[in-house]
Amino acid sequence: MFEGRGFIGIFGEWGSQQDTCSMVNVCAPCDRKGKAELWEEIGGLVSEQGGRWLLAGDFNAVRSVVERKGRLGETQDMEEFNQFVNGTGLIDVRLMNRKFTWYRPDGTSMSRLDRFLLSTDMSLLERDWIQVGVRRTISDHCAIILKSRDIDWGPKPFRVLDAWQQHPEYRDFVEDRWKNLQIEGWAAYKCKQKLKLLKEECKKWNSKVFGNVEVTFDNLVQQIEKLDKKSEEGGLNENETQLRRECFQELWDILQKREAVWKQKSRDNWIRLGDANTTFFHRSVHARRAQNGILGIFGKDEWVEEPNLVKKEAVRYFCKLFQNDQWSRLVMSGIPFRRISTT
């Protein structure tokens, strides 16, 4: 266990792999100087210990003006809190069914002061993390619960990965498959069907030829480690030295492919400036998913989260939006309009 001014935490091990995991309960002070010292102390622990981190509690700070209502807080206070969150690589999980977690007794102001912050490694354990606000009673804070959900929303859209184009066989493969696909029908239909079939061919090619980047990476690292240990004990023969050299070359290619995949998913341009920090792209991907993901919608009378009900509600909304209402068309009679003759 460890503690400091404004927090208390525990170290432990997570799962069968016994990864280091730290959970911290935070109760930040009200003054800006005290919070700055707290961010610095916790940030130092996260950087020093590494592993998975989960921070929860009353941070006494907001990240943007939309998280506060009724009174304007200090802009510098928000900037310092955002610097702490971004600097430690923590992810702010989306809060559902509430906008605020603290309410002044007279109802004149409210803020989102309570939250969960997860490290990137922790966020990767589950597909969808959400925070749910619990009904408030006599306290001026409402409790929040961290939940994970794995919901099947149906087929995911197909995307061509930029990393595929780095493979020497990819362009020839696509041209060959496109020329050999024979579809009968009018032009637009033929194009649509060929794109549909080509998508399936690309999926097969990805699994067989391009391969799973992460699995290939792990296998290469293990093989290099075995050769390193053997070289430490008695040295490598010529074939093993050549194999080690080839493994390093293939590992370098895999790293470039992996960076390209995460760059495309994160939609960031930092890689163009030479930043090869894959952890940054992991964090960007999860931040974008948390921001853009649709976890539920307000239906006609209530909040809906179940996928089939969400889809039905969306169909109902757009059907109502685009339906033709009955209305009386304006008719002007008694006016001799000129007509175009047929002759």
Protein backbone atom coordinates (compact mmCIF):
# COMPACT_ATOMS: atom_id res chain seq x y z
CA MET A 1 0.00 0.00 0.00
CA PHE A 2 1.12 3.58 -0.65
CA GLU A 3 -0.35 6.98 0.14
CA GLY A 4 0.23 10.70 -0.03
CA ARG A 5 -1.59 13.96 0.46
CA GLY A 6 -4.88 13.50 -1.37
CA PHE A 7 -4.60 9.84 -2.40
CA ILE A 8 -4.20 6.26 -1.19
CA GLY A 9 -3.42 3.25 -3.38
CA ILE A 10 -2.42 -0.39 -3.57
CA PHE A 11 -0.06 -2.39 -5.77
CA GLY A 12 -1.04 -5.85 -6.96
CA GLU A 13 -0.87 -8.39 -9.78
CA TRP A 14 -3.43 -8.75 -12.56
CA GLY A 15 -4.43 -12.03 -14.20
CA SER A 16 -2.48 -15.20 -14.88
CA GLN A 17 0.44 -13.25 -16.36
CA GLN A 18 0.82 -11.43 -13.03
CA ASP A 19 1.16 -7.99 -14.60
CA THR A 20 1.70 -5.13 -12.18
CA CYS A 21 -1.53 -3.28 -11.42
CA SER A 22 -2.03 -0.18 -9.25
CA MET A 23 -5.36 1.21 -8.06
CA VAL A 24 -5.53 4.68 -6.54
CA ASN A 25 -8.37 6.42 -4.72
CA VAL A 26 -8.05 10.19 -5.18
CA CYS A 27 -9.49 13.05 -3.12
CA ALA A 28 -7.80 16.14 -4.52
CA PRO A 29 -7.50 19.35 -2.48
CA CYS A 30 -9.46 22.45 -3.47
CA ASP A 31 -6.53 24.83 -3.94
CA ARG A 32 -4.69 24.91 -7.27
CA LYS A 33 -1.23 24.61 -5.70
CA GLY A 34 -2.25 21.49 -3.78
CA LYS A 35 -3.68 19.91 -6.93
CA ALA A 36 -0.54 20.70 -8.92
CA GLU A 37 1.58 18.96 -6.28
CA LEU A 38 -0.82 15.98 -6.32
CA TRP A 39 -0.64 15.65 -10.12
CA GLU A 40 3.16 15.76 -9.97
CA GLU A 41 3.39 13.09 -7.25
CA ILE A 42 0.96 10.65 -8.89
CA GLY A 43 2.50 11.29 -12.31
CA GLY A 44 5.90 10.38 -10.91
CA LEU A 45 4.53 7.10 -9.52
CA VAL A 46 2.90 6.17 -12.83
CA SER A 47 6.14 6.83 -14.73
CA GLU A 48 8.33 5.05 -12.18
CA GLN A 49 6.23 1.93 -11.53
CA GLY A 50 4.72 1.35 -14.99
CA GLY A 51 2.16 -1.43 -15.48
CA ARG A 52 -1.60 -1.01 -15.39
CA TRP A 53 -3.11 1.94 -13.51
CA LEU A 54 -6.64 2.78 -12.41
CA LEU A 55 -7.33 6.12 -10.72
CA ALA A 56 -10.74 6.93 -9.27
CA GLY A 57 -12.30 9.51 -7.01
CA ASP A 58 -12.90 13.22 -6.60
CA PHE A 59 -10.27 15.05 -8.67
CA ASN A 60 -11.76 18.45 -7.85
CA ALA A 61 -11.05 19.59 -11.42
CA VAL A 62 -12.73 19.56 -14.81
CA ARG A 63 -11.17 19.03 -18.24
CA SER A 64 -13.28 21.49 -20.26
CA VAL A 65 -15.88 24.21 -19.81
CA VAL A 66 -18.70 21.83 -20.77
CA GLU A 67 -18.00 19.84 -17.58
CA ARG A 68 -19.01 22.82 -15.45
CA LYS A 69 -22.26 24.77 -15.22
CA GLY A 70 -23.27 27.77 -13.19
CA ARG A 71 -19.86 29.27 -12.51
CA LEU A 72 -16.64 29.69 -14.46
CA GLY A 73 -13.57 27.96 -13.05
CA GLU A 74 -9.91 28.78 -13.53
CA THR A 75 -8.64 28.07 -17.04
CA GLN A 76 -5.15 27.32 -15.74
CA ASP A 77 -6.62 24.72 -13.37
CA MET A 78 -8.14 22.89 -16.36
CA GLU A 79 -4.92 23.13 -18.36
CA GLU A 80 -2.84 21.63 -15.54
CA PHE A 81 -5.31 18.77 -15.06
CA ASN A 82 -5.29 18.02 -18.81
CA GLN A 83 -1.49 18.09 -18.82
CA PHE A 84 -1.51 15.52 -16.01
CA VAL A 85 -3.96 13.21 -17.83
CA ASN A 86 -2.20 13.45 -21.20
CA GLY A 87 1.29 13.30 -19.73
CA THR A 88 0.61 10.07 -17.85
CA GLY A 89 -1.15 8.48 -20.85
CA LEU A 90 -4.38 7.97 -18.90
CA ILE A 91 -7.73 7.60 -20.65
CA ASP A 92 -10.81 9.43 -19.41
CA VAL A 93 -13.67 6.95 -19.77
CA ARG A 94 -16.99 8.31 -21.03
CA LEU A 95 -19.63 9.09 -18.41
CA MET A 96 -23.09 7.77 -19.29
CA ASN A 97 -26.57 9.00 -18.27
CA ARG A 98 -25.19 12.06 -16.45
CA LYS A 99 -23.26 15.22 -17.33
CA PHE A 100 -22.17 16.16 -13.80
CA THR A 101 -21.25 14.36 -10.58
CA TRP A 102 -21.24 17.25 -8.07
CA TYR A 103 -24.11 19.62 -7.34
CA ARG A 104 -24.22 22.70 -5.13
CA PRO A 105 -27.02 22.30 -2.55
CA ASP A 106 -28.92 25.31 -3.89
CA GLY A 107 -28.66 23.98 -7.47
CA THR A 108 -26.92 27.08 -8.85
CA SER A 109 -23.79 25.25 -10.06
CA MET A 110 -22.65 21.73 -10.91
CA SER A 111 -19.47 20.05 -12.21
CA ARG A 112 -18.02 16.73 -13.27
CA LEU A 113 -15.43 16.32 -10.53
CA ASP A 114 -15.56 12.53 -10.06
CA ARG A 115 -14.22 10.12 -12.66
CA PHE A 116 -12.20 7.00 -13.49
CA LEU A 117 -8.89 7.31 -15.33
CA LEU A 118 -7.37 4.19 -16.92
CA SER A 119 -3.93 3.53 -18.32
CA THR A 120 -3.71 2.30 -21.92
CA ASP A 121 -2.82 -1.24 -20.79
CA MET A 122 -5.88 -1.30 -18.54
CA SER A 123 -8.20 0.02 -21.26
CA LEU A 124 -7.08 -2.74 -23.65
CA LEU A 125 -8.39 -5.45 -21.29
CA GLU A 126 -12.00 -4.78 -22.29
CA ARG A 127 -13.65 -3.62 -25.47
CA ASP A 128 -15.94 -0.96 -23.98
CA TRP A 129 -15.38 0.73 -20.64
CA ILE A 130 -18.06 3.14 -19.44
CA GLN A 131 -18.77 5.11 -16.29
CA VAL A 132 -22.31 5.12 -14.97
CA GLY A 133 -23.59 7.74 -12.55
CA VAL A 134 -25.62 6.38 -9.63
CA ARG A 135 -28.72 8.15 -8.31
CA ARG A 136 -27.77 10.83 -5.80
CA THR A 137 -29.36 11.01 -2.33
CA ILE A 138 -28.29 13.42 0.45
CA SER A 139 -24.68 13.74 -0.72
CA ASP A 140 -23.63 16.60 -2.99
CA HIS A 141 -21.69 14.01 -5.06
CA CYS A 142 -23.20 11.11 -6.97
CA ALA A 143 -21.33 7.80 -6.97
CA ILE A 144 -19.99 6.44 -10.26
CA ILE A 145 -19.47 2.84 -11.32
CA LEU A 146 -16.93 1.56 -13.86
CA LYS A 147 -18.41 -1.09 -16.15
CA SER A 148 -17.17 -3.08 -19.12
CA ARG A 149 -19.40 -4.18 -21.94
CA ASP A 150 -18.78 -6.41 -24.95
CA ILE A 151 -21.75 -5.81 -27.24
CA ASP A 152 -22.09 -7.11 -30.77
CA TRP A 153 -23.34 -4.25 -32.98
CA GLY A 154 -23.11 -6.37 -36.12
CA PRO A 155 -20.53 -6.49 -38.94
CA LYS A 156 -17.77 -3.91 -38.85
CA PRO A 157 -17.06 -1.77 -41.93
CA PHE A 158 -14.25 -2.97 -44.18
CA ARG A 159 -11.13 -0.78 -44.36
CA VAL A 160 -8.03 -1.07 -46.51
CA LEU A 161 -4.97 -0.78 -44.27
CA ASP A 162 -2.13 1.43 -45.41
CA ALA A 163 0.29 -1.24 -44.20
CA TRP A 164 -0.97 -3.61 -46.91
CA GLN A 165 0.48 -1.37 -49.58
CA GLN A 166 3.95 -1.89 -48.12
CA HIS A 167 3.76 -5.55 -49.10
CA PRO A 168 5.38 -6.16 -52.52
CA GLU A 169 2.63 -8.55 -53.67
CA TYR A 170 -0.40 -6.46 -52.69
CA ARG A 171 -0.81 -4.29 -55.79
CA ASP A 172 -0.38 -7.22 -58.22
CA PHE A 173 -2.82 -9.28 -56.13
CA VAL A 174 -5.53 -6.60 -56.31
CA GLU A 175 -5.07 -6.03 -60.07
CA ASP A 176 -5.16 -9.76 -60.79
CA ARG A 177 -8.30 -10.39 -58.70
CA TRP A 178 -10.11 -7.40 -60.18
CA LYS A 179 -9.44 -8.50 -63.77
CA ASN A 180 -10.48 -12.11 -63.09
CA LEU A 181 -13.80 -11.27 -61.38
CA GLN A 182 -16.53 -11.79 -63.99
CA ILE A 183 -19.90 -10.23 -63.18
CA GLU A 184 -22.91 -9.92 -65.50
CA GLY A 185 -25.22 -6.92 -65.40
CA TRP A 186 -25.25 -3.18 -65.84
CA ALA A 187 -22.14 -1.13 -65.07
CA ALA A 188 -22.99 0.15 -61.58
CA TYR A 189 -24.11 -3.31 -60.43
CA LYS A 190 -20.95 -4.95 -61.81
CA CYS A 191 -18.76 -2.42 -59.99
CA LYS A 192 -20.62 -2.91 -56.71
CA GLN A 193 -20.42 -6.72 -56.88
CA LYS A 194 -16.74 -6.71 -57.85
CA LEU A 195 -15.90 -4.44 -54.90
CA LYS A 196 -17.87 -6.74 -52.61
CA LEU A 197 -16.03 -9.86 -53.83
CA LEU A 198 -12.67 -8.08 -53.80
CA LYS A 199 -13.25 -7.19 -50.14
CA GLU A 200 -13.58 -10.88 -49.27
CA GLU A 201 -10.45 -11.71 -51.28
CA CYS A 202 -8.49 -9.02 -49.40
CA LYS A 203 -9.62 -10.45 -46.07
CA LYS A 204 -8.36 -13.91 -47.07
CA TRP A 205 -5.09 -12.45 -48.35
CA ASN A 206 -4.60 -10.51 -45.12
CA SER A 207 -4.91 -13.64 -42.96
CA LYS A 208 -2.80 -15.90 -45.20
CA VAL A 209 -0.11 -13.66 -46.70
CA PHE A 210 0.08 -10.47 -44.67
CA GLY A 211 -0.58 -12.30 -41.43
CA ASN A 212 -1.44 -11.13 -37.95
CA VAL A 213 1.08 -8.41 -37.16
CA GLU A 214 0.98 -8.83 -33.38
CA VAL A 215 1.33 -12.63 -33.49
CA THR A 216 4.20 -12.43 -35.96
CA PHE A 217 5.89 -9.80 -33.81
CA ASP A 218 5.67 -11.97 -30.67
CA ASN A 219 7.01 -15.03 -32.52
CA LEU A 220 10.00 -13.10 -33.86
CA VAL A 221 10.83 -11.65 -30.44
CA GLN A 222 10.74 -15.14 -28.91
CA GLN A 223 12.97 -16.55 -31.66
CA ILE A 224 15.51 -13.75 -31.26
CA GLU A 225 15.52 -14.25 -27.49
CA LYS A 226 16.29 -17.98 -27.93
CA LEU A 227 19.18 -17.18 -30.27
CA ASP A 228 20.47 -14.53 -27.85
CA LYS A 229 20.52 -17.02 -24.98
CA LYS A 230 22.25 -19.63 -27.11
CA SER A 231 24.90 -17.10 -28.18
CA GLU A 232 25.51 -16.26 -24.50
CA GLU A 233 26.12 -19.91 -23.62
CA GLY A 234 28.18 -21.23 -26.51
CA GLY A 235 27.91 -19.02 -29.57
CA LEU A 236 26.03 -19.37 -32.87
CA ASN A 237 27.05 -21.18 -36.02
CA GLU A 238 26.91 -19.53 -39.44
CA ASN A 239 23.34 -20.62 -40.21
CA GLU A 240 22.05 -19.43 -36.84
CA THR A 241 23.81 -16.08 -37.25
CA GLN A 242 22.17 -15.65 -40.64
CA LEU A 243 18.79 -16.65 -39.15
CA ARG A 244 19.21 -14.06 -36.39
CA ARG A 245 20.01 -11.40 -38.97
CA GLU A 246 16.90 -12.31 -40.99
CA CYS A 247 14.75 -12.23 -37.85
CA PHE A 248 15.90 -8.70 -37.08
CA GLN A 249 15.18 -7.58 -40.63
CA GLU A 250 11.70 -9.11 -40.52
CA LEU A 251 11.12 -7.61 -37.08
CA TRP A 252 11.97 -4.17 -38.42
CA ASP A 253 9.46 -4.65 -41.25
CA ILE A 254 6.80 -5.79 -38.76
CA LEU A 255 7.40 -2.72 -36.57
CA GLN A 256 6.86 -0.45 -39.57
CA LYS A 257 3.64 -2.27 -40.46
CA ARG A 258 2.39 -2.09 -36.89
CA GLU A 259 3.08 1.64 -36.71
CA ALA A 260 1.24 2.14 -40.01
CA VAL A 261 -1.80 0.25 -38.71
CA TRP A 262 -2.01 2.24 -35.49
CA LYS A 263 -1.29 5.50 -37.28
CA GLN A 264 -4.25 4.89 -39.58
CA LYS A 265 -6.54 3.94 -36.70
CA SER A 266 -5.52 6.94 -34.63
CA ARG A 267 -5.78 9.39 -37.58
CA ASP A 268 -2.81 11.34 -36.33
CA ASN A 269 0.01 12.86 -38.38
CA TRP A 270 2.72 12.68 -35.72
CA ILE A 271 4.33 9.74 -37.49
CA ARG A 272 5.22 12.11 -40.36
CA LEU A 273 7.39 14.04 -37.93
CA GLY A 274 9.28 10.90 -36.93
CA ASP A 275 7.39 9.98 -33.74
CA ALA A 276 7.37 6.18 -33.56
CA ASN A 277 5.61 5.98 -30.20
CA THR A 278 3.02 3.23 -30.71
CA THR A 279 1.70 3.79 -27.17
CA PHE A 280 0.64 7.28 -28.23
CA PHE A 281 -1.34 5.84 -31.13
CA HIS A 282 -2.96 3.25 -28.83
CA ARG A 283 -4.08 6.07 -26.58
CA SER A 284 -5.35 8.13 -29.52
CA VAL A 285 -7.36 5.19 -30.87
CA HIS A 286 -9.08 4.56 -27.55
CA ALA A 287 -9.71 8.25 -26.96
CA ARG A 288 -11.35 8.53 -30.40
CA ARG A 289 -13.43 5.40 -29.81
CA ALA A 290 -14.58 6.73 -26.46
CA GLN A 291 -15.60 10.00 -28.08
CA ASN A 292 -17.25 8.65 -31.24
CA GLY A 293 -18.74 5.40 -29.99
CA ILE A 294 -22.55 5.15 -29.71
CA LEU A 295 -23.29 3.20 -26.54
CA GLY A 296 -26.98 4.10 -26.42
CA ILE A 297 -29.55 6.72 -27.40
CA PHE A 298 -32.58 8.39 -25.91
CA GLY A 299 -35.62 6.69 -27.40
CA LYS A 300 -39.18 7.90 -27.44
CA ASP A 301 -39.62 7.59 -23.69
CA GLU A 302 -36.39 6.16 -22.21
CA TRP A 303 -32.66 5.53 -22.57
CA VAL A 304 -31.95 2.54 -24.87
CA GLU A 305 -28.68 0.54 -24.94
CA GLU A 306 -29.56 -2.88 -26.38
CA PRO A 307 -28.27 -2.98 -30.02
CA ASN A 308 -31.48 -4.22 -31.66
CA LEU A 309 -33.55 -1.59 -29.85
CA VAL A 310 -31.06 1.14 -30.79
CA LYS A 311 -31.28 0.12 -34.46
CA LYS A 312 -35.09 0.09 -34.35
CA GLU A 313 -35.14 3.51 -32.70
CA ALA A 314 -32.83 4.91 -35.41
CA VAL A 315 -35.07 3.49 -38.16
CA ARG A 316 -38.17 4.92 -36.45
CA TYR A 317 -36.58 8.35 -36.17
CA PHE A 318 -35.51 8.60 -39.83
CA CYS A 319 -38.79 7.14 -41.10
CA LYS A 320 -40.61 9.88 -39.25
CA LEU A 321 -38.13 12.49 -40.47
CA PHE A 322 -38.50 11.65 -44.16
CA GLN A 323 -42.17 10.67 -44.37
CA ASN A 324 -44.57 12.87 -46.33
CA ASP A 325 -47.06 14.68 -44.16
CA GLN A 326 -50.57 15.26 -45.46
CA TRP A 327 -51.00 18.89 -46.39
CA SER A 328 -53.19 20.92 -48.70
CA ARG A 329 -51.53 22.20 -51.83
CA LEU A 330 -52.17 25.84 -52.74
CA VAL A 331 -54.43 26.12 -55.78
CA MET A 332 -54.89 29.37 -57.73
CA SER A 333 -58.05 29.29 -59.81
CA GLY A 334 -59.47 31.87 -62.14
CA ILE A 335 -56.12 33.00 -63.51
CA PRO A 336 -55.58 32.34 -67.26
CA PHE A 337 -51.99 31.10 -67.28
CA ARG A 338 -50.33 30.78 -70.67
CA ARG A 339 -49.63 27.22 -71.75
CA ILE A 340 -47.03 25.61 -74.01
CA SER A 341 -48.76 24.23 -77.04
CA THR A 342 -48.03 20.76 -78.37
CA THR A 343 -47.66 21.93 -81.95
